N, C-alpha and C. Protein backbone atom coordinates (compact mmCIF):
# COMPACT_ATOMS: atom_id res chain seq x y z
N MET A 1 20.24 -8.00 -24.07
CA MET A 1 19.70 -6.60 -23.92
C MET A 1 18.28 -6.68 -23.32
N PRO A 2 17.98 -5.81 -22.32
CA PRO A 2 16.67 -5.87 -21.61
C PRO A 2 15.56 -5.47 -22.53
N ASP A 3 14.43 -6.05 -22.36
CA ASP A 3 13.23 -5.59 -23.15
C ASP A 3 12.69 -4.34 -22.67
N ASN A 4 11.73 -3.67 -23.44
CA ASN A 4 11.27 -2.36 -22.94
C ASN A 4 10.53 -2.37 -21.69
N LYS A 5 9.88 -3.45 -21.30
CA LYS A 5 9.27 -3.56 -20.01
C LYS A 5 10.26 -3.40 -18.95
N SER A 6 11.37 -4.04 -19.03
CA SER A 6 12.44 -3.98 -18.04
C SER A 6 13.00 -2.61 -17.91
N ILE A 7 13.27 -1.94 -19.09
CA ILE A 7 13.75 -0.59 -19.05
C ILE A 7 12.79 0.32 -18.38
N ASN A 8 11.51 0.33 -18.70
CA ASN A 8 10.57 1.22 -18.12
C ASN A 8 10.35 0.90 -16.71
N ARG A 9 10.55 -0.27 -16.28
CA ARG A 9 10.25 -0.69 -14.83
C ARG A 9 11.30 -0.14 -13.87
N ILE A 10 12.53 -0.04 -14.30
CA ILE A 10 13.64 0.33 -13.42
C ILE A 10 13.41 1.76 -12.87
N PRO A 11 13.00 2.88 -13.68
CA PRO A 11 12.74 4.12 -12.99
C PRO A 11 11.43 4.07 -12.04
N CYS A 12 10.50 3.36 -12.45
CA CYS A 12 9.26 3.15 -11.63
C CYS A 12 9.64 2.60 -10.27
N ASP A 13 10.41 1.55 -10.31
CA ASP A 13 10.78 0.90 -8.98
C ASP A 13 11.61 1.88 -8.12
N LYS A 14 12.54 2.63 -8.77
CA LYS A 14 13.32 3.51 -8.02
C LYS A 14 12.41 4.67 -7.48
N PHE A 15 11.44 5.11 -8.26
CA PHE A 15 10.53 6.17 -7.84
C PHE A 15 9.80 5.67 -6.56
N PHE A 16 9.26 4.50 -6.66
CA PHE A 16 8.46 3.87 -5.52
C PHE A 16 9.34 3.82 -4.30
N GLU A 17 10.63 3.30 -4.44
CA GLU A 17 11.52 3.16 -3.28
C GLU A 17 11.91 4.46 -2.71
N ASP A 18 12.00 5.52 -3.48
CA ASP A 18 12.54 6.82 -3.02
C ASP A 18 11.40 7.81 -2.54
N LEU A 19 10.13 7.35 -2.71
CA LEU A 19 9.14 8.27 -2.24
C LEU A 19 9.24 8.51 -0.78
N VAL A 20 9.03 9.81 -0.39
CA VAL A 20 9.12 10.17 1.09
C VAL A 20 7.71 9.95 1.87
N CYS A 21 6.73 9.58 1.05
CA CYS A 21 5.42 9.23 1.64
C CYS A 21 5.25 7.65 1.53
N GLY A 22 4.46 7.12 2.39
CA GLY A 22 4.15 5.65 2.34
C GLY A 22 3.47 5.22 1.10
N ALA A 23 3.89 4.16 0.50
CA ALA A 23 3.32 3.63 -0.69
C ALA A 23 3.29 2.06 -0.58
N PHE A 24 2.31 1.46 -1.14
CA PHE A 24 2.22 -0.08 -1.14
C PHE A 24 1.42 -0.58 -2.24
N ARG A 25 1.52 -1.81 -2.50
CA ARG A 25 0.70 -2.54 -3.45
C ARG A 25 0.07 -3.72 -2.64
N CYS A 26 -1.21 -3.98 -2.92
CA CYS A 26 -1.83 -5.05 -2.23
C CYS A 26 -2.79 -5.83 -3.13
N SER A 27 -3.12 -7.06 -2.76
CA SER A 27 -4.05 -7.83 -3.56
C SER A 27 -5.42 -7.37 -3.28
N MET A 28 -6.33 -7.93 -3.96
CA MET A 28 -7.79 -7.56 -3.84
C MET A 28 -8.34 -7.94 -2.47
N GLU A 29 -7.66 -8.96 -1.88
CA GLU A 29 -7.97 -9.49 -0.56
C GLU A 29 -7.37 -8.61 0.62
N GLY A 30 -6.57 -7.67 0.20
CA GLY A 30 -5.93 -6.73 1.20
C GLY A 30 -4.58 -7.26 1.65
N ARG A 31 -4.09 -8.27 1.10
CA ARG A 31 -2.71 -8.80 1.46
C ARG A 31 -1.69 -7.88 0.84
N PHE A 32 -0.74 -7.46 1.69
CA PHE A 32 0.34 -6.50 1.11
C PHE A 32 1.28 -7.34 0.27
N LEU A 33 1.59 -6.72 -0.88
CA LEU A 33 2.50 -7.37 -1.91
C LEU A 33 3.79 -6.70 -1.92
N ASP A 34 3.77 -5.44 -1.63
CA ASP A 34 5.01 -4.59 -1.60
C ASP A 34 4.77 -3.30 -0.81
N ALA A 35 5.79 -2.80 -0.28
CA ALA A 35 5.72 -1.55 0.47
C ALA A 35 7.04 -0.85 0.38
N ASN A 36 6.99 0.45 0.38
CA ASN A 36 8.23 1.23 0.20
C ASN A 36 8.86 1.53 1.64
N PRO A 37 10.17 1.78 1.69
CA PRO A 37 10.79 2.04 2.95
C PRO A 37 10.15 3.14 3.82
N ALA A 38 9.52 4.12 3.22
CA ALA A 38 8.89 5.20 4.03
C ALA A 38 7.72 4.65 4.78
N LEU A 39 6.91 3.77 4.17
CA LEU A 39 5.76 3.21 4.90
C LEU A 39 6.23 2.26 5.99
N ILE A 40 7.19 1.50 5.63
CA ILE A 40 7.73 0.52 6.64
C ILE A 40 8.23 1.19 7.88
N SER A 41 8.97 2.29 7.66
CA SER A 41 9.52 3.08 8.73
C SER A 41 8.29 3.86 9.51
N MET A 42 7.42 4.42 8.81
CA MET A 42 6.32 5.17 9.38
C MET A 42 5.53 4.30 10.39
N LEU A 43 5.39 3.05 9.97
CA LEU A 43 4.61 2.10 10.77
C LEU A 43 5.45 1.32 11.89
N GLY A 44 6.80 1.63 11.84
CA GLY A 44 7.66 1.04 12.82
C GLY A 44 8.10 -0.36 12.63
N TYR A 45 8.02 -0.95 11.42
CA TYR A 45 8.49 -2.23 11.17
C TYR A 45 10.05 -2.17 10.88
N ASN A 46 10.78 -3.26 11.11
CA ASN A 46 12.27 -3.28 10.89
C ASN A 46 12.61 -3.66 9.46
N THR A 47 11.75 -4.46 8.85
CA THR A 47 12.13 -4.94 7.56
C THR A 47 10.92 -5.06 6.66
N LYS A 48 11.04 -5.05 5.34
CA LYS A 48 9.93 -5.17 4.39
C LYS A 48 9.35 -6.65 4.56
N ASN A 49 10.22 -7.70 4.72
CA ASN A 49 9.69 -9.04 4.95
C ASN A 49 8.83 -9.08 6.24
N GLU A 50 9.22 -8.44 7.28
CA GLU A 50 8.38 -8.46 8.47
C GLU A 50 6.99 -7.80 8.23
N PHE A 51 7.05 -6.67 7.47
CA PHE A 51 5.79 -6.03 7.17
C PHE A 51 4.89 -6.89 6.31
N LEU A 52 5.44 -7.54 5.29
CA LEU A 52 4.66 -8.24 4.32
C LEU A 52 4.07 -9.47 4.92
N LYS A 53 4.49 -9.90 6.06
CA LYS A 53 3.91 -11.14 6.66
C LYS A 53 2.68 -10.88 7.56
N ILE A 54 2.40 -9.62 7.78
CA ILE A 54 1.25 -9.27 8.71
C ILE A 54 0.00 -9.25 7.96
N ASN A 55 -1.08 -9.42 8.74
CA ASN A 55 -2.45 -9.27 8.13
C ASN A 55 -2.99 -7.91 8.33
N GLY A 56 -3.08 -7.11 7.23
CA GLY A 56 -3.48 -5.73 7.36
C GLY A 56 -4.80 -5.49 8.03
N ASP A 57 -5.79 -6.33 7.77
CA ASP A 57 -7.11 -6.09 8.38
C ASP A 57 -7.02 -6.33 9.90
N LYS A 58 -6.20 -7.17 10.36
CA LYS A 58 -6.05 -7.50 11.81
C LYS A 58 -5.05 -6.53 12.48
N ASN A 59 -3.97 -6.16 11.72
CA ASN A 59 -2.84 -5.51 12.32
C ASN A 59 -2.47 -4.07 11.96
N ILE A 60 -3.04 -3.63 10.79
CA ILE A 60 -2.77 -2.28 10.36
C ILE A 60 -3.89 -1.35 10.36
N TYR A 61 -5.08 -1.74 9.88
CA TYR A 61 -6.23 -0.83 9.69
C TYR A 61 -6.94 -0.85 11.07
N LEU A 62 -7.15 0.28 11.67
CA LEU A 62 -7.82 0.37 12.91
C LEU A 62 -9.38 -0.04 12.60
N LYS A 63 -9.88 0.35 11.45
CA LYS A 63 -11.26 0.04 11.01
C LYS A 63 -11.17 -0.67 9.70
N PRO A 64 -11.12 -2.00 9.67
CA PRO A 64 -10.86 -2.66 8.36
C PRO A 64 -12.02 -2.40 7.43
N ASP A 65 -13.20 -2.02 7.80
CA ASP A 65 -14.23 -1.66 6.83
C ASP A 65 -13.93 -0.48 6.10
N GLU A 66 -13.08 0.47 6.58
CA GLU A 66 -12.64 1.63 5.82
C GLU A 66 -11.80 1.17 4.63
N ARG A 67 -10.94 0.12 4.81
CA ARG A 67 -10.23 -0.29 3.61
C ARG A 67 -11.05 -0.94 2.64
N LYS A 68 -12.07 -1.71 3.07
CA LYS A 68 -13.05 -2.31 2.09
C LYS A 68 -13.77 -1.24 1.32
N HIS A 69 -14.20 -0.07 1.99
CA HIS A 69 -14.74 1.04 1.36
C HIS A 69 -13.91 1.62 0.30
N PHE A 70 -12.64 1.87 0.64
CA PHE A 70 -11.58 2.39 -0.19
C PHE A 70 -11.47 1.53 -1.43
N GLN A 71 -11.34 0.22 -1.18
CA GLN A 71 -11.18 -0.80 -2.27
C GLN A 71 -12.42 -0.71 -3.23
N LYS A 72 -13.54 -0.67 -2.67
CA LYS A 72 -14.80 -0.60 -3.46
C LYS A 72 -14.82 0.57 -4.37
N GLU A 73 -14.35 1.75 -3.91
CA GLU A 73 -14.25 2.90 -4.65
C GLU A 73 -13.22 2.73 -5.81
N ILE A 74 -12.14 2.05 -5.50
CA ILE A 74 -11.22 1.82 -6.64
C ILE A 74 -11.79 0.85 -7.69
N GLU A 75 -12.43 -0.16 -7.19
CA GLU A 75 -13.07 -1.22 -8.12
C GLU A 75 -14.08 -0.54 -9.03
N GLU A 76 -14.86 0.43 -8.52
CA GLU A 76 -15.92 1.05 -9.28
C GLU A 76 -15.31 2.14 -10.21
N ASN A 77 -14.29 2.87 -9.77
CA ASN A 77 -13.73 4.07 -10.50
C ASN A 77 -12.38 3.96 -11.02
N GLU A 78 -11.70 2.87 -10.63
CA GLU A 78 -10.26 2.67 -10.93
C GLU A 78 -9.37 3.63 -10.17
N HIS A 79 -9.91 4.41 -9.29
CA HIS A 79 -9.07 5.23 -8.37
C HIS A 79 -9.93 5.71 -7.13
N ALA A 80 -9.26 6.17 -6.14
CA ALA A 80 -9.80 6.78 -5.01
C ALA A 80 -8.94 7.82 -4.47
N VAL A 81 -9.50 8.93 -4.02
CA VAL A 81 -8.59 10.03 -3.59
C VAL A 81 -8.99 10.61 -2.30
N ASN A 82 -8.02 10.79 -1.44
CA ASN A 82 -8.19 11.40 -0.11
C ASN A 82 -9.13 10.76 0.81
N PHE A 83 -8.80 9.48 1.02
CA PHE A 83 -9.63 8.65 1.98
C PHE A 83 -8.85 8.74 3.30
N GLU A 84 -9.53 9.14 4.41
CA GLU A 84 -8.89 9.22 5.72
C GLU A 84 -9.07 7.86 6.33
N MET A 85 -7.85 7.32 6.82
CA MET A 85 -7.86 6.02 7.54
C MET A 85 -6.89 6.10 8.63
N ASP A 86 -7.23 5.53 9.85
CA ASP A 86 -6.31 5.41 10.90
C ASP A 86 -5.67 4.06 10.85
N LEU A 87 -4.27 4.15 10.99
CA LEU A 87 -3.55 2.91 10.97
C LEU A 87 -2.86 2.55 12.30
N ILE A 88 -2.66 1.30 12.61
CA ILE A 88 -2.00 0.90 13.81
C ILE A 88 -0.48 0.55 13.54
N CYS A 89 0.34 1.33 14.25
CA CYS A 89 1.71 1.15 14.13
C CYS A 89 2.22 -0.19 14.81
N ARG A 90 3.38 -0.63 14.64
CA ARG A 90 3.88 -1.93 15.22
C ARG A 90 3.85 -1.72 16.73
N ASP A 91 4.10 -0.56 17.29
CA ASP A 91 4.11 -0.26 18.69
C ASP A 91 2.68 -0.04 19.24
N LYS A 92 1.64 -0.17 18.44
CA LYS A 92 0.25 0.07 18.75
C LYS A 92 -0.22 1.48 18.81
N LYS A 93 0.65 2.42 18.48
CA LYS A 93 0.31 3.79 18.31
C LYS A 93 -0.57 3.92 17.09
N ILE A 94 -1.62 4.83 17.15
CA ILE A 94 -2.51 5.08 15.99
C ILE A 94 -2.02 6.33 15.32
N ILE A 95 -2.01 6.16 13.97
CA ILE A 95 -1.70 7.44 13.21
C ILE A 95 -2.79 7.68 12.14
N SER A 96 -3.04 8.92 11.88
CA SER A 96 -4.15 9.22 10.86
C SER A 96 -3.44 9.38 9.56
N THR A 97 -3.96 8.87 8.51
CA THR A 97 -3.34 8.93 7.18
C THR A 97 -4.45 9.30 6.14
N LEU A 98 -3.91 9.72 5.01
CA LEU A 98 -4.75 10.12 3.84
C LEU A 98 -4.26 9.16 2.71
N PHE A 99 -5.27 8.41 2.22
CA PHE A 99 -5.05 7.43 1.10
C PHE A 99 -5.49 7.93 -0.21
N THR A 100 -4.60 7.72 -1.22
CA THR A 100 -5.07 7.92 -2.59
C THR A 100 -4.58 6.61 -3.32
N GLY A 101 -5.37 5.99 -4.11
CA GLY A 101 -4.93 4.82 -4.77
C GLY A 101 -5.51 4.66 -6.14
N HIS A 102 -4.84 3.76 -6.87
CA HIS A 102 -5.24 3.47 -8.26
C HIS A 102 -5.23 1.96 -8.40
N GLY A 103 -6.30 1.48 -9.11
CA GLY A 103 -6.38 0.03 -9.34
C GLY A 103 -5.74 -0.38 -10.63
N PHE A 104 -5.00 -1.45 -10.59
CA PHE A 104 -4.45 -2.04 -11.87
C PHE A 104 -5.08 -3.42 -11.94
N PHE A 105 -5.88 -3.64 -12.97
CA PHE A 105 -6.68 -4.83 -13.04
C PHE A 105 -6.24 -5.67 -14.31
N ASP A 106 -6.23 -6.95 -14.17
CA ASP A 106 -6.00 -7.83 -15.23
C ASP A 106 -7.42 -8.20 -15.78
N HIS A 107 -7.82 -7.64 -16.87
CA HIS A 107 -9.15 -7.84 -17.38
C HIS A 107 -9.30 -9.01 -18.37
N LYS A 108 -8.41 -10.01 -18.15
CA LYS A 108 -8.47 -11.14 -19.06
C LYS A 108 -9.66 -12.06 -18.63
């Protein structure tokens, strides 16, 4: 029988995958750990694996310092709301986006 963590995770994973807006998880260093199909499609990548291999600061964020400012806001307040950032698609097209994020920290 699955434990409670497994049971609770299934709906969250499905929610993440079914979102029509782009969503992702990343490390404190900015490395992408997961991305939903909407984000992968929006940015023009063919597969999640292809997307997860790229360096976000070099290939996704038009201005990497904006990501660092967004991250700092999350570190200080555990969330950040409505940050405008321009992203670079796989075909080099620039799209304007609005970021909202929440930090999940291991305080051990």
